[in-house]
Structures are given as structure tokens and as C-alpha cells.
Protein backbone atom coordinates (compact mmCIF):
# COMPACT_ATOMS: atom_id res chain seq x y z
CA MET A 1 81.02 110.55 72.67
CA LYS A 2 83.12 109.97 75.79
CA GLU A 3 86.25 107.84 75.43
CA LYS A 4 86.84 105.04 77.95
CA THR A 5 89.68 105.41 80.31
CA PRO A 6 92.01 102.41 79.90
CA GLN A 7 91.74 100.18 82.79
CA PRO A 8 95.00 98.82 84.39
CA GLU A 9 95.70 95.21 83.67
CA LYS A 10 94.77 92.91 86.51
CA ASN A 11 96.12 89.45 87.04
CA LEU A 12 94.96 86.62 89.13
CA LEU A 13 97.04 85.43 92.08
CA GLN A 14 96.18 82.05 93.50
CA VAL A 15 97.51 80.60 96.74
CA ARG A 16 96.61 77.27 98.25
CA LEU A 17 95.49 77.76 101.84
CA SER A 18 93.85 75.54 104.37
CA GLN A 19 90.31 76.62 105.32
CA ASN A 20 91.62 77.66 108.82
CA GLU A 21 94.36 79.82 107.19
CA LYS A 22 91.93 81.50 104.87
CA ARG A 23 89.54 82.09 107.69
CA ASN A 24 92.28 83.69 109.87
CA ILE A 25 93.35 85.99 106.99
CA LYS A 26 89.77 87.06 106.40
CA MET A 27 89.13 87.70 110.09
CA MET A 28 92.38 89.91 110.17
CA ALA A 29 91.19 91.85 107.21
CA VAL A 30 87.72 92.33 108.52
CA GLY A 31 89.35 93.56 111.85
CA GLN A 32 91.12 96.24 109.94
CA SER A 33 88.02 97.12 107.88
CA LEU A 34 89.93 95.81 104.69
CA THR A 35 88.89 93.67 101.84
CA LEU A 36 90.75 90.46 101.27
CA ARG A 37 92.30 92.15 98.21
CA GLU A 38 93.31 95.29 100.28
CA ALA A 39 94.69 93.09 103.12
CA THR A 40 96.80 91.14 100.63
CA LEU A 41 98.30 94.12 99.07
CA ALA A 42 99.02 95.58 102.43
CA ALA A 43 100.81 92.43 103.46
CA PHE A 44 102.96 92.39 100.35
CA THR A 45 103.73 96.09 100.84
CA ALA A 46 104.76 95.36 104.51
CA TRP A 47 106.91 92.39 103.39
CA ALA A 48 108.74 94.54 100.65
CA GLU A 49 109.39 97.36 103.21
CA LYS A 50 110.86 94.61 105.60
CA LEU A 51 113.08 93.27 102.96
CA ARG A 52 114.31 96.74 101.96
CA ALA A 53 115.10 97.56 105.65
CA GLN A 54 116.96 94.17 106.02
CA ALA A 55 118.95 94.90 102.91
CA ALA A 56 119.84 98.45 104.00
CA ALA A 57 120.94 97.09 107.44
CA ALA A 58 123.09 94.51 105.77
CA LYS A 59 124.70 97.12 103.56
CA SER A 60 125.30 99.39 106.50
CA ALA A 61 126.90 96.46 108.54
CA LYS A 62 129.12 95.57 105.49
CA ALA A 63 130.21 99.21 105.12
CA ALA A 64 131.05 99.50 108.90
CA GLY A 65 132.95 96.22 108.70
CA GLN A 66 135.08 97.68 105.90
CA ARG A 67 136.21 100.66 107.88
């Protein structure tokens, strides 16, 4: 008998959006051939990258100011 591969745990993320906001997000996702889930994950990934870049820039600026 084949053993089942354990599935990663999934959690529900809920966000309150207006109908217009939801429609705009869906249209952007469809424009990129993404599902709403994929578009959401891509947005969070881009946000995280932006935060890391800002932190690195701030660290560099602080290091340059200490010279």
C-alpha cells in the first residue's frame, strides 16, 4: 500500500476589501495569468524584497555616516 505524502499545512488569510478593490486585484491577476492565490503570494514576496532592500540601504547609509 502506498503511503500518503504529508500535505503542507495551509492557513486561511482573510482581508476586507471593497468590491472595487477585489475586482482590481482579480483583473491584475488575470492580466498576469495568475490565480488570486498566486498573485497574493507574489505581492507578499515583492513586499518582503522591498523591505529587505530598504533595510540594506538604511544599514549602508548608517555605516557610511559612521566613517
